[in-house]
Amino acid sequence: MQPEAFTLLMTVYGGDREAHVRDAFRSAVQLQTLRPDQVVLVQDGPVPPALAAVLHELVRTSPVEVTFVHLEHNRGLGPALDAGLHASRHDIVARMDADDYSMPHRFQTQVPLVRAGADLVGAGLLEFGTDITDIVGRRTPPSDPADIARYSRLHDPFNHPTVVYRRSAVVAAGGYGDLPLMEDYWLFVRMIAGGARMVNVAEPLVYYRVGDGAYERRGGRDLLRSELRLQREMRREGFISQPQYWRNVMVRGGYRLVPTLIRKPFYRAVVAPYGARRNRLRDKARAAPPPVRYVPRHARPEAGGHERLPGMDAAPPQPEK
């Protein structure tokens, strides 16, 4: 029996650069040790002639089938991804951003986990500047299911550019919808609330571009409006409590309004390494020996007239020679 096929889903809009799109596509198709069986390439609205020529070239020269979806007007990432999901012929779908770079073993690592029963598999990523040799940061997500669920009440527990998921699970949760700049977080929250099986690979599998303006885009009034809408929806659905709602508004809303000079070091020092800290604590707890349970003297069993504590040899001590 052939392994279950999967689709690569990639969206492009007028602001993407030709060289970035070409490199992203090549890293996720030609250079993968496990290639997708279909690529769904969504053009979200008008693009410059040079970018249109690159898209035509990618469709024409791709070693795997490409389904090209052209949206006449720019609809935003959420609706564009929903259109791409509709065009997918396979239930397993891997996301790819148009300016990032997938490591060659990415799909070889993630797709088998979905085939084995997971509904969504995320991964760590490396942030880079000018090129992938210019590593400026690392995001490690929480890998334990309990940590994923707990973390999702305050932060997005998945790096969206790294995810591979079952389309059926995404559709069952209502798809991405149209919540600008927060569509992925809102989708993952609904999937978690619906009982989807979620997995994170701590290992970085994607190079994520954080060029000029990356941290500026994580703040501002537009993002604050989307943030407040997200928190209202999470509260309305019962995913967070009223106290958690107000905590999130203060913490996450405040984060959107502080200057970039504060936002950037806070993100790198507190948010990005959270998963790594939690994973280390989990590993340490699992490796620690079980604690010795205290047994009152009157309840301790005796062997040959000698008291024995749990974990100790039942034989009596030998006299010294």
Foldseek 3Di string as FASTA:
>chain_A
DDQFAEEEEEEDEAVDDLVQQLQQLCQQAVLAPDHHQEYEYEYQADHDPVNVVSVVVCCVPGPHHYHYHYDHHHDADQVRVVVSLVVDPGQKYAYAYRRKGFHRHLCVPPVVVVSVPAFKEAEKAFEAEPDPVRTDAIFFAAFDPVRCLVCLLQDQRHDVNRMIGGSVLLVVLPGQDDLHPCSVSLSVLSSVVVPGGYGYHRHHGMYHYCYPCNLVVLADDSNLVSQLVSLVVCPVVVSDDPVSSVVNCCVSSVLRPDDSVVNVVCCRVPPRCPNVVNVVVVVVVVPDDDDFDDDDPVPFDAAPNDGDGPPDDNDDDDDDD
